[in-house]
Each structure stands twice: as structure tokens, then as C-alpha cells.
Amino acid sequence: MPLIILDRDGVINEDSDDFIKSPDEWQPLPGSMEAIAQLNNAGWQVVVATNQSGIARKLFDLDTLHAIHDKMHRLAHEYGGAIDAIFFCPHGPKDDCDCRKPLPGLFEQIAKRLNTNLEGVPCIGDSLRDIQAAQAVGGQPILVRTGKGTKTLYAEQGIDDVPVYCDLKQAVHALLAGTLLNDS
């Protein structure tokens, strides 16, 4: 079963500079739940890898994060899809961890838990740190323009060979059609 790794905020749901601190604040982006269902229906295993420094910043706790993820699981299910696993980094930017993207620790946890190699695995994100984490494990980074994606596209160097799509739905369509290209 092929694997895909998705970032959460800005890829699956609306992003916020003030953080997503409650299930009410978590709102899916248009087409994202359908895209997850399409992946599942095509036989893909969907895993989420997300930095959640709001925990370290005491903006929300683990119970709230689990409630947010319960909502995401429920909505994916309502659209006929499923998220197989969610891996998250609870640390802040100044904490000394290896799991906060752009470091590869979170992706390495995924590889270890799923007993797989991430070489060539599509990894969809909206920021440079998502791209760098995917590249560090040999994954295939894909940038979406939602969330911080447009800003990332025009502000960052070193992403010339990264395919760029408007949103998760368009990226999934290209992936499933076998036409993954850089359309920036």
C-alpha cells in the first residue's frame, strides 16, 4: 500500500498565525477531505506529520489536540476517507528536539513505526520546513499554495525542483493521474 505524508495546518485545514487552539477553530480547507478520501479509495495510506508548538507555548493541551484530531478523523470518515496515523511534535522552536520540522525526526518516527523506507514517498506541505524534512529522508516534497504556501513559493530559495499545486485536492489529482509536475 503506497504511503503519503501530509502536513496539517495549511494543507488539510485553514492555518492561523494565532494557532489552531480548539476543535471549533479547526476548519478543513475546501476539497481536502475529498482528497483524503480519493487517496484512500486509490489504496493509499494517509499519515499526517505536524508541528504543534502550541502545546509547548501552553496555548492548548494534549486533550485539546486529541479533540482537534478526533474532529479531523470524523470529517475524513464522513467523506469516505481515513487518516491512518497522526504524528506530531509538541515542542517549541527553542526546544532541543529532533522531531520539529525541518528536522527529520518526525518522519523518522513514521518510517520506524510503519517499518518502511520514505525514499520517494510524497510529502505534501505548505512551508519550507515541510519541504526540508521530506528532503532529509529522501521523500518527494510537494508544495501547496494554501496556508503559507504562496509566501513560501516566492520567498524561499532551493525549492525549484519541488512540484507546486494550488491545494491538496489538485496535488492529489496529479499524483493519482501520474502527472506530478512543477506547475509553479
N, C-alpha and C. Protein backbone atom coordinates (compact mmCIF):
# COMPACT_ATOMS: atom_id res chain seq x y z
N MET A 1 0.85 -1.18 0.00
CA MET A 1 0.00 0.00 0.00
C MET A 1 0.89 1.24 0.00
N PRO A 2 0.76 2.11 -1.01
CA PRO A 2 1.59 3.31 -1.05
C PRO A 2 1.25 4.25 0.12
N LEU A 3 2.25 5.00 0.54
CA LEU A 3 2.14 5.92 1.67
C LEU A 3 2.27 7.35 1.19
N ILE A 4 1.50 8.24 1.83
CA ILE A 4 1.66 9.68 1.61
C ILE A 4 1.65 10.35 2.97
N ILE A 5 2.48 11.38 3.12
CA ILE A 5 2.57 12.13 4.36
C ILE A 5 2.08 13.55 4.09
N LEU A 6 1.14 13.99 4.91
CA LEU A 6 0.57 15.33 4.77
C LEU A 6 0.87 16.17 5.99
N ASP A 7 1.21 17.43 5.77
CA ASP A 7 1.23 18.40 6.85
C ASP A 7 -0.23 18.68 7.20
N ARG A 8 -0.50 19.24 8.36
CA ARG A 8 -1.88 19.50 8.76
C ARG A 8 -2.29 20.94 8.45
N ASP A 9 -1.82 21.89 9.27
CA ASP A 9 -2.26 23.29 9.15
C ASP A 9 -1.76 23.89 7.84
N GLY A 10 -2.69 24.40 7.04
CA GLY A 10 -2.34 25.00 5.76
C GLY A 10 -2.42 24.03 4.59
N VAL A 11 -2.55 22.73 4.90
CA VAL A 11 -2.67 21.72 3.84
C VAL A 11 -4.04 21.05 3.92
N ILE A 12 -4.38 20.56 5.11
CA ILE A 12 -5.67 19.91 5.31
C ILE A 12 -6.70 20.92 5.82
N ASN A 13 -6.27 21.80 6.69
CA ASN A 13 -7.18 22.77 7.30
C ASN A 13 -6.63 24.18 7.20
N GLU A 14 -7.50 25.13 7.44
CA GLU A 14 -7.11 26.54 7.46
C GLU A 14 -5.99 26.72 8.47
N ASP A 15 -5.03 27.56 8.14
CA ASP A 15 -3.93 27.87 9.04
C ASP A 15 -4.24 29.17 9.77
N SER A 16 -3.56 29.40 10.87
CA SER A 16 -3.73 30.64 11.62
C SER A 16 -2.42 31.00 12.29
N ASP A 17 -2.01 32.26 12.16
CA ASP A 17 -0.81 32.72 12.86
C ASP A 17 -1.03 32.70 14.37
N ASP A 18 -2.29 32.66 14.79
CA ASP A 18 -2.63 32.59 16.21
C ASP A 18 -2.80 31.15 16.69
N PHE A 19 -2.49 30.19 15.84
CA PHE A 19 -2.58 28.76 16.14
C PHE A 19 -4.03 28.27 16.11
N ILE A 20 -4.18 27.01 15.84
CA ILE A 20 -5.48 26.34 15.92
C ILE A 20 -5.55 25.77 17.32
N LYS A 21 -6.37 26.38 18.18
CA LYS A 21 -6.36 26.07 19.61
C LYS A 21 -7.57 25.29 20.10
N SER A 22 -8.51 25.00 19.20
CA SER A 22 -9.71 24.27 19.62
C SER A 22 -10.32 23.57 18.41
N PRO A 23 -11.17 22.58 18.66
CA PRO A 23 -11.86 21.93 17.54
C PRO A 23 -12.69 22.92 16.73
N ASP A 24 -13.27 23.93 17.37
CA ASP A 24 -14.06 24.92 16.63
C ASP A 24 -13.20 25.72 15.66
N GLU A 25 -11.95 25.97 16.02
CA GLU A 25 -11.05 26.73 15.15
C GLU A 25 -10.52 25.88 14.00
N TRP A 26 -10.58 24.56 14.14
CA TRP A 26 -10.09 23.68 13.08
C TRP A 26 -11.16 23.57 11.99
N GLN A 27 -10.87 24.12 10.82
CA GLN A 27 -11.79 24.11 9.69
C GLN A 27 -11.07 23.56 8.46
N PRO A 28 -11.63 22.50 7.84
CA PRO A 28 -10.95 21.93 6.68
C PRO A 28 -10.93 22.91 5.51
N LEU A 29 -9.86 22.84 4.74
CA LEU A 29 -9.79 23.61 3.50
C LEU A 29 -10.73 22.97 2.48
N PRO A 30 -11.30 23.77 1.58
CA PRO A 30 -12.18 23.21 0.56
C PRO A 30 -11.47 22.10 -0.23
N GLY A 31 -12.11 20.96 -0.33
CA GLY A 31 -11.60 19.85 -1.11
C GLY A 31 -10.64 18.93 -0.39
N SER A 32 -10.18 19.31 0.80
CA SER A 32 -9.16 18.49 1.46
C SER A 32 -9.70 17.15 1.94
N MET A 33 -10.88 17.13 2.47
CA MET A 33 -11.45 15.86 2.96
C MET A 33 -11.73 14.93 1.77
N GLU A 34 -12.20 15.50 0.67
CA GLU A 34 -12.43 14.70 -0.54
C GLU A 34 -11.12 14.14 -1.06
N ALA A 35 -10.05 14.94 -1.00
CA ALA A 35 -8.75 14.48 -1.49
C ALA A 35 -8.24 13.31 -0.66
N ILE A 36 -8.43 13.37 0.65
CA ILE A 36 -8.02 12.27 1.52
C ILE A 36 -8.81 11.01 1.16
N ALA A 37 -10.11 11.17 0.94
CA ALA A 37 -10.94 10.03 0.55
C ALA A 37 -10.48 9.45 -0.80
N GLN A 38 -10.13 10.32 -1.74
CA GLN A 38 -9.63 9.84 -3.04
C GLN A 38 -8.36 9.03 -2.87
N LEU A 39 -7.47 9.50 -2.02
CA LEU A 39 -6.24 8.75 -1.76
C LEU A 39 -6.56 7.37 -1.20
N ASN A 40 -7.43 7.32 -0.19
CA ASN A 40 -7.81 6.05 0.42
C ASN A 40 -8.45 5.12 -0.61
N ASN A 41 -9.35 5.66 -1.41
CA ASN A 41 -10.04 4.85 -2.41
C ASN A 41 -9.10 4.30 -3.47
N ALA A 42 -7.96 4.99 -3.66
CA ALA A 42 -6.96 4.53 -4.62
C ALA A 42 -5.92 3.61 -3.94
N GLY A 43 -6.15 3.30 -2.66
CA GLY A 43 -5.28 2.36 -1.96
C GLY A 43 -4.12 2.97 -1.20
N TRP A 44 -4.14 4.28 -1.01
CA TRP A 44 -3.05 4.95 -0.31
C TRP A 44 -3.28 4.98 1.19
N GLN A 45 -2.19 4.88 1.93
CA GLN A 45 -2.19 5.05 3.38
C GLN A 45 -1.85 6.52 3.64
N VAL A 46 -2.71 7.22 4.41
CA VAL A 46 -2.54 8.65 4.67
C VAL A 46 -2.06 8.86 6.10
N VAL A 47 -0.92 9.54 6.22
CA VAL A 47 -0.35 9.85 7.52
C VAL A 47 -0.13 11.36 7.59
N VAL A 48 -0.38 11.93 8.76
CA VAL A 48 -0.18 13.35 8.99
C VAL A 48 1.05 13.54 9.88
N ALA A 49 1.90 14.51 9.52
CA ALA A 49 3.07 14.89 10.31
C ALA A 49 2.97 16.39 10.55
N THR A 50 2.84 16.80 11.81
CA THR A 50 2.55 18.20 12.09
C THR A 50 3.31 18.72 13.31
N ASN A 51 3.88 19.91 13.17
CA ASN A 51 4.44 20.62 14.32
C ASN A 51 3.28 21.22 15.10
N GLN A 52 3.25 21.02 16.39
CA GLN A 52 2.20 21.58 17.24
C GLN A 52 2.83 22.25 18.46
N SER A 53 3.57 23.33 18.20
CA SER A 53 4.26 24.04 19.28
C SER A 53 3.30 24.78 20.21
N GLY A 54 2.03 24.86 19.84
CA GLY A 54 1.04 25.45 20.74
C GLY A 54 0.99 24.72 22.07
N ILE A 55 1.36 23.46 22.08
CA ILE A 55 1.40 22.70 23.34
C ILE A 55 2.52 23.26 24.22
N ALA A 56 3.73 23.40 23.67
CA ALA A 56 4.86 23.94 24.42
C ALA A 56 4.60 25.38 24.86
N ARG A 57 3.85 26.11 24.05
CA ARG A 57 3.54 27.51 24.35
C ARG A 57 2.37 27.64 25.33
N LYS A 58 1.79 26.49 25.73
CA LYS A 58 0.66 26.45 26.67
C LYS A 58 -0.60 27.13 26.12
N LEU A 59 -0.75 27.08 24.80
CA LEU A 59 -1.95 27.64 24.16
C LEU A 59 -3.09 26.62 24.16
N PHE A 60 -2.74 25.34 24.22
CA PHE A 60 -3.71 24.25 24.34
C PHE A 60 -2.96 23.05 24.90
N ASP A 61 -3.72 22.07 25.36
CA ASP A 61 -3.10 20.89 25.95
C ASP A 61 -3.31 19.66 25.06
N LEU A 62 -2.76 18.53 25.49
CA LEU A 62 -2.87 17.31 24.69
C LEU A 62 -4.31 16.87 24.50
N ASP A 63 -5.15 17.03 25.52
CA ASP A 63 -6.56 16.65 25.38
C ASP A 63 -7.23 17.47 24.27
N THR A 64 -6.91 18.75 24.21
CA THR A 64 -7.48 19.60 23.16
C THR A 64 -6.95 19.19 21.79
N LEU A 65 -5.65 18.90 21.71
CA LEU A 65 -5.09 18.44 20.44
C LEU A 65 -5.78 17.15 19.99
N HIS A 66 -6.00 16.23 20.92
CA HIS A 66 -6.69 14.98 20.57
C HIS A 66 -8.13 15.26 20.11
N ALA A 67 -8.79 16.23 20.72
CA ALA A 67 -10.15 16.59 20.30
C ALA A 67 -10.14 17.18 18.89
N ILE A 68 -9.13 17.99 18.58
CA ILE A 68 -8.99 18.55 17.23
C ILE A 68 -8.78 17.40 16.23
N HIS A 69 -7.91 16.48 16.58
CA HIS A 69 -7.64 15.36 15.68
C HIS A 69 -8.84 14.42 15.56
N ASP A 70 -9.61 14.28 16.64
CA ASP A 70 -10.85 13.50 16.56
C ASP A 70 -11.80 14.11 15.53
N LYS A 71 -11.89 15.44 15.53
CA LYS A 71 -12.73 16.12 14.55
C LYS A 71 -12.22 15.87 13.13
N MET A 72 -10.92 15.93 12.95
CA MET A 72 -10.34 15.70 11.62
C MET A 72 -10.62 14.26 11.17
N HIS A 73 -10.44 13.30 12.06
CA HIS A 73 -10.74 11.89 11.74
C HIS A 73 -12.22 11.73 11.37
N ARG A 74 -13.10 12.33 12.16
CA ARG A 74 -14.55 12.21 11.94
C ARG A 74 -14.94 12.79 10.58
N LEU A 75 -14.42 13.97 10.26
CA LEU A 75 -14.76 14.59 8.97
C LEU A 75 -14.20 13.79 7.80
N ALA A 76 -12.99 13.28 7.94
CA ALA A 76 -12.44 12.44 6.87
C ALA A 76 -13.35 11.24 6.65
N HIS A 77 -13.79 10.63 7.74
CA HIS A 77 -14.68 9.46 7.65
C HIS A 77 -16.00 9.82 6.98
N GLU A 78 -16.55 11.00 7.29
CA GLU A 78 -17.81 11.44 6.68
C GLU A 78 -17.69 11.56 5.16
N TYR A 79 -16.48 11.84 4.68
CA TYR A 79 -16.24 11.96 3.24
C TYR A 79 -15.79 10.64 2.62
N GLY A 80 -15.76 9.58 3.43
CA GLY A 80 -15.38 8.27 2.93
C GLY A 80 -13.89 8.00 2.99
N GLY A 81 -13.17 8.79 3.78
CA GLY A 81 -11.73 8.62 3.89
C GLY A 81 -11.30 8.29 5.29
N ALA A 82 -10.00 8.14 5.45
CA ALA A 82 -9.43 7.86 6.76
C ALA A 82 -7.99 8.37 6.82
N ILE A 83 -7.64 8.85 7.97
CA ILE A 83 -6.26 9.22 8.25
C ILE A 83 -5.71 8.10 9.12
N ASP A 84 -4.71 7.39 8.60
CA ASP A 84 -4.22 6.19 9.26
C ASP A 84 -3.44 6.47 10.53
N ALA A 85 -2.74 7.61 10.58
CA ALA A 85 -1.96 7.95 11.77
C ALA A 85 -1.64 9.44 11.74
N ILE A 86 -1.47 9.98 12.94
CA ILE A 86 -1.05 11.38 13.09
C ILE A 86 0.18 11.39 13.98
N PHE A 87 1.26 11.95 13.48
CA PHE A 87 2.49 12.13 14.25
C PHE A 87 2.64 13.63 14.47
N PHE A 88 2.95 14.03 15.71
CA PHE A 88 3.08 15.45 15.98
C PHE A 88 4.27 15.73 16.88
N CYS A 89 4.84 16.92 16.67
CA CYS A 89 5.90 17.41 17.53
C CYS A 89 5.27 18.43 18.47
N PRO A 90 5.32 18.20 19.80
CA PRO A 90 4.72 19.12 20.75
C PRO A 90 5.68 20.21 21.22
N HIS A 91 6.88 20.24 20.68
CA HIS A 91 7.93 21.12 21.18
C HIS A 91 7.88 22.50 20.54
N GLY A 92 8.50 23.45 21.22
CA GLY A 92 8.61 24.81 20.70
C GLY A 92 9.87 24.98 19.87
N PRO A 93 9.98 26.11 19.18
CA PRO A 93 11.12 26.35 18.30
C PRO A 93 12.47 26.35 19.02
N LYS A 94 12.49 26.68 20.30
CA LYS A 94 13.77 26.76 21.03
C LYS A 94 14.06 25.49 21.83
N ASP A 95 13.14 24.53 21.79
CA ASP A 95 13.38 23.25 22.47
C ASP A 95 14.40 22.46 21.67
N ASP A 96 15.14 21.66 22.35
CA ASP A 96 16.18 20.87 21.70
C ASP A 96 15.62 19.49 21.35
N CYS A 97 14.85 19.43 20.28
CA CYS A 97 14.27 18.15 19.87
C CYS A 97 14.70 17.86 18.43
N ASP A 98 14.50 16.64 18.02
CA ASP A 98 14.81 16.29 16.63
C ASP A 98 13.55 16.05 15.81
N CYS A 99 12.38 16.26 16.45
CA CYS A 99 11.14 15.95 15.74
C CYS A 99 10.44 17.18 15.16
N ARG A 100 10.93 18.37 15.47
CA ARG A 100 10.31 19.57 14.94
C ARG A 100 10.81 19.81 13.52
N LYS A 101 9.88 19.78 12.57
CA LYS A 101 10.27 20.07 11.19
C LYS A 101 10.88 21.47 11.15
N PRO A 102 12.00 21.66 10.47
CA PRO A 102 12.53 20.93 9.33
C PRO A 102 13.42 19.73 9.67
N LEU A 103 13.68 19.48 10.93
CA LEU A 103 14.47 18.29 11.28
C LEU A 103 13.68 17.04 10.91
N PRO A 104 14.34 15.95 10.61
CA PRO A 104 13.66 14.77 10.09
C PRO A 104 13.10 13.80 11.13
N GLY A 105 13.23 14.11 12.43
CA GLY A 105 12.84 13.16 13.46
C GLY A 105 11.41 12.65 13.37
N LEU A 106 10.48 13.53 13.07
CA LEU A 106 9.07 13.12 12.96
C LEU A 106 8.90 12.13 11.81
N PHE A 107 9.55 12.40 10.69
CA PHE A 107 9.48 11.49 9.55
C PHE A 107 10.18 10.17 9.86
N GLU A 108 11.27 10.25 10.60
CA GLU A 108 11.96 9.02 11.01
C GLU A 108 11.08 8.17 11.93
N GLN A 109 10.30 8.83 12.79
CA GLN A 109 9.34 8.11 13.63
C GLN A 109 8.31 7.37 12.77
N ILE A 110 7.85 8.05 11.74
CA ILE A 110 6.88 7.43 10.82
C ILE A 110 7.49 6.20 10.17
N ALA A 111 8.70 6.35 9.65
CA ALA A 111 9.38 5.23 8.97
C ALA A 111 9.55 4.05 9.93
N LYS A 112 9.95 4.35 11.15
CA LYS A 112 10.18 3.28 12.12
C LYS A 112 8.86 2.60 12.50
N ARG A 113 7.85 3.38 12.81
CA ARG A 113 6.56 2.82 13.23
C ARG A 113 5.92 2.00 12.13
N LEU A 114 6.04 2.47 10.89
CA LEU A 114 5.42 1.75 9.76
C LEU A 114 6.37 0.75 9.12
N ASN A 115 7.59 0.68 9.65
CA ASN A 115 8.59 -0.25 9.14
C ASN A 115 8.75 -0.11 7.62
N THR A 116 9.05 1.12 7.21
CA THR A 116 9.16 1.42 5.79
C THR A 116 10.27 2.43 5.53
N ASN A 117 10.69 2.51 4.31
CA ASN A 117 11.64 3.49 3.84
C ASN A 117 10.84 4.64 3.22
N LEU A 118 11.22 5.86 3.51
CA LEU A 118 10.47 7.01 2.99
C LEU A 118 11.02 7.53 1.66
N GLU A 119 11.98 6.83 1.10
CA GLU A 119 12.55 7.23 -0.20
C GLU A 119 11.43 7.32 -1.24
N GLY A 120 11.26 8.53 -1.82
CA GLY A 120 10.27 8.74 -2.86
C GLY A 120 8.84 8.90 -2.38
N VAL A 121 8.60 8.81 -1.07
CA VAL A 121 7.24 8.96 -0.55
C VAL A 121 6.78 10.40 -0.72
N PRO A 122 5.61 10.64 -1.33
CA PRO A 122 5.11 12.01 -1.46
C PRO A 122 4.83 12.61 -0.08
N CYS A 123 5.31 13.84 0.11
CA CYS A 123 5.13 14.58 1.37
C CYS A 123 4.62 15.96 1.01
N ILE A 124 3.38 16.23 1.33
CA ILE A 124 2.75 17.49 0.92
C ILE A 124 2.73 18.46 2.08
N GLY A 125 3.27 19.66 1.84
CA GLY A 125 3.32 20.70 2.85
C GLY A 125 3.14 22.07 2.26
N ASP A 126 3.10 23.06 3.14
CA ASP A 126 2.91 24.45 2.70
C ASP A 126 4.06 25.36 3.13
N SER A 127 5.12 24.78 3.70
CA SER A 127 6.22 25.62 4.17
C SER A 127 7.57 25.00 3.83
N LEU A 128 8.59 25.83 3.89
CA LEU A 128 9.94 25.36 3.61
C LEU A 128 10.32 24.25 4.57
N ARG A 129 9.92 24.34 5.83
CA ARG A 129 10.30 23.29 6.80
C ARG A 129 9.70 21.94 6.43
N ASP A 130 8.49 21.94 5.83
CA ASP A 130 7.90 20.68 5.37
C ASP A 130 8.74 20.08 4.24
N ILE A 131 9.15 20.94 3.33
CA ILE A 131 9.97 20.50 2.19
C ILE A 131 11.31 19.96 2.67
N GLN A 132 11.95 20.68 3.58
CA GLN A 132 13.26 20.27 4.07
C GLN A 132 13.19 18.94 4.84
N ALA A 133 12.16 18.74 5.63
CA ALA A 133 12.01 17.49 6.37
C ALA A 133 11.83 16.32 5.40
N ALA A 134 11.03 16.52 4.36
CA ALA A 134 10.82 15.47 3.35
C ALA A 134 12.13 15.16 2.62
N GLN A 135 12.85 16.21 2.24
CA GLN A 135 14.12 16.01 1.53
C GLN A 135 15.13 15.28 2.40
N ALA A 136 15.13 15.55 3.69
CA ALA A 136 16.10 14.94 4.61
C ALA A 136 15.96 13.42 4.69
N VAL A 137 14.77 12.90 4.41
CA VAL A 137 14.55 11.45 4.46
C VAL A 137 14.40 10.84 3.06
N GLY A 138 14.65 11.64 2.04
CA GLY A 138 14.57 11.14 0.67
C GLY A 138 13.16 11.09 0.12
N GLY A 139 12.23 11.76 0.81
CA GLY A 139 10.85 11.82 0.33
C GLY A 139 10.72 12.73 -0.88
N GLN A 140 9.54 12.72 -1.49
CA GLN A 140 9.23 13.59 -2.63
C GLN A 140 8.40 14.76 -2.10
N PRO A 141 9.06 15.92 -1.84
CA PRO A 141 8.29 17.06 -1.33
C PRO A 141 7.39 17.64 -2.41
N ILE A 142 6.22 18.06 -1.98
CA ILE A 142 5.24 18.72 -2.84
C ILE A 142 4.73 19.93 -2.07
N LEU A 143 4.72 21.08 -2.71
CA LEU A 143 4.25 22.31 -2.06
C LEU A 143 2.86 22.66 -2.55
N VAL A 144 1.99 23.03 -1.61
CA VAL A 144 0.68 23.57 -1.98
C VAL A 144 0.67 25.06 -1.63
N ARG A 145 -0.10 25.83 -2.38
CA ARG A 145 -0.15 27.28 -2.20
C ARG A 145 -1.06 27.72 -1.07
N THR A 146 -1.84 26.79 -0.53
CA THR A 146 -2.70 27.13 0.59
C THR A 146 -1.84 27.37 1.83
N GLY A 147 -2.45 27.88 2.89
CA GLY A 147 -1.69 28.16 4.11
C GLY A 147 -0.58 29.15 3.83
N LYS A 148 0.64 28.76 4.13
CA LYS A 148 1.81 29.62 3.90
C LYS A 148 2.48 29.31 2.56
N GLY A 149 1.84 28.50 1.74
CA GLY A 149 2.45 28.02 0.51
C GLY A 149 2.83 29.08 -0.49
N THR A 150 1.96 30.04 -0.75
CA THR A 150 2.28 31.08 -1.73
C THR A 150 3.45 31.91 -1.23
N LYS A 151 3.44 32.25 0.04
CA LYS A 151 4.55 33.00 0.63
C LYS A 151 5.84 32.19 0.51
N THR A 152 5.78 30.91 0.80
CA THR A 152 6.94 30.03 0.70
C THR A 152 7.46 29.99 -0.73
N LEU A 153 6.56 29.86 -1.67
CA LEU A 153 6.94 29.76 -3.07
C LEU A 153 7.75 30.97 -3.53
N TYR A 154 7.35 32.16 -3.10
CA TYR A 154 8.01 33.36 -3.59
C TYR A 154 9.13 33.86 -2.68
N ALA A 155 9.24 33.31 -1.47
CA ALA A 155 10.23 33.83 -0.53
C ALA A 155 11.43 32.91 -0.35
N GLU A 156 11.31 31.66 -0.69
CA GLU A 156 12.35 30.70 -0.36
C GLU A 156 13.17 30.29 -1.57
N GLN A 157 14.43 30.02 -1.29
CA GLN A 157 15.35 29.50 -2.30
C GLN A 157 15.43 27.99 -2.14
N GLY A 158 15.84 27.31 -3.18
CA GLY A 158 16.09 25.88 -3.07
C GLY A 158 14.87 25.01 -3.23
N ILE A 159 13.80 25.56 -3.78
CA ILE A 159 12.61 24.73 -3.99
C ILE A 159 12.25 24.66 -5.47
N ASP A 160 13.23 24.95 -6.31
CA ASP A 160 12.98 24.99 -7.75
C ASP A 160 12.47 23.67 -8.32
N ASP A 161 12.93 22.55 -7.78
CA ASP A 161 12.54 21.25 -8.32
C ASP A 161 11.34 20.63 -7.60
N VAL A 162 10.70 21.41 -6.74
CA VAL A 162 9.58 20.90 -5.96
C VAL A 162 8.27 21.17 -6.72
N PRO A 163 7.48 20.13 -6.98
CA PRO A 163 6.18 20.36 -7.63
C PRO A 163 5.30 21.25 -6.76
N VAL A 164 4.57 22.16 -7.40
CA VAL A 164 3.72 23.12 -6.69
C VAL A 164 2.30 23.02 -7.24
N TYR A 165 1.33 22.96 -6.33
CA TYR A 165 -0.08 22.88 -6.72
C TYR A 165 -0.90 23.87 -5.90
N CYS A 166 -2.06 24.20 -6.42
CA CYS A 166 -2.92 25.17 -5.74
C CYS A 166 -3.33 24.71 -4.35
N ASP A 167 -3.67 23.43 -4.23
CA ASP A 167 -4.17 22.92 -2.96
C ASP A 167 -4.01 21.40 -2.92
N LEU A 168 -4.41 20.81 -1.82
CA LEU A 168 -4.27 19.37 -1.65
C LEU A 168 -5.06 18.62 -2.71
N LYS A 169 -6.24 19.08 -3.02
CA LYS A 169 -7.08 18.39 -4.00
C LYS A 169 -6.38 18.32 -5.36
N GLN A 170 -5.78 19.43 -5.79
CA GLN A 170 -5.09 19.44 -7.08
C GLN A 170 -3.83 18.57 -7.04
N ALA A 171 -3.10 18.59 -5.94
CA ALA A 171 -1.90 17.77 -5.82
C ALA A 171 -2.26 16.29 -5.85
N VAL A 172 -3.32 15.91 -5.15
CA VAL A 172 -3.74 14.51 -5.13
C VAL A 172 -4.21 14.08 -6.51
N HIS A 173 -4.94 14.95 -7.19
CA HIS A 173 -5.39 14.63 -8.55
C HIS A 173 -4.18 14.34 -9.45
N ALA A 174 -3.16 15.19 -9.39
CA ALA A 174 -1.95 14.99 -10.21
C ALA A 174 -1.22 13.72 -9.81
N LEU A 175 -1.13 13.47 -8.52
CA LEU A 175 -0.45 12.27 -8.03
C LEU A 175 -1.15 11.01 -8.53
N LEU A 176 -2.46 10.98 -8.39
CA LEU A 176 -3.21 9.80 -8.79
C LEU A 176 -3.25 9.62 -10.31
N ALA A 177 -3.17 10.75 -11.03
CA ALA A 177 -3.15 10.67 -12.50
C ALA A 177 -1.75 10.37 -13.04
N GLY A 178 -0.75 10.39 -12.15
CA GLY A 178 0.62 10.14 -12.58
C GLY A 178 1.25 11.31 -13.32
N THR A 179 0.74 12.51 -13.05
CA THR A 179 1.24 13.69 -13.76
C THR A 179 1.86 14.70 -12.80
N LEU A 180 2.52 14.24 -11.77
CA LEU A 180 3.12 15.11 -10.79
C LEU A 180 4.20 15.96 -11.45
N LEU A 181 3.95 17.24 -11.57
CA LEU A 181 4.87 18.17 -12.22
C LEU A 181 5.03 19.42 -11.37
N ASN A 182 5.99 20.23 -11.72
CA ASN A 182 6.11 21.52 -11.07
C ASN A 182 5.36 22.51 -11.95
N ASP A 183 4.20 22.95 -11.48
CA ASP A 183 3.37 23.86 -12.29
C ASP A 183 3.44 25.30 -11.79
N SER A 184 4.47 25.63 -11.03
CA SER A 184 4.59 26.98 -10.49
C SER A 184 4.80 27.95 -11.62
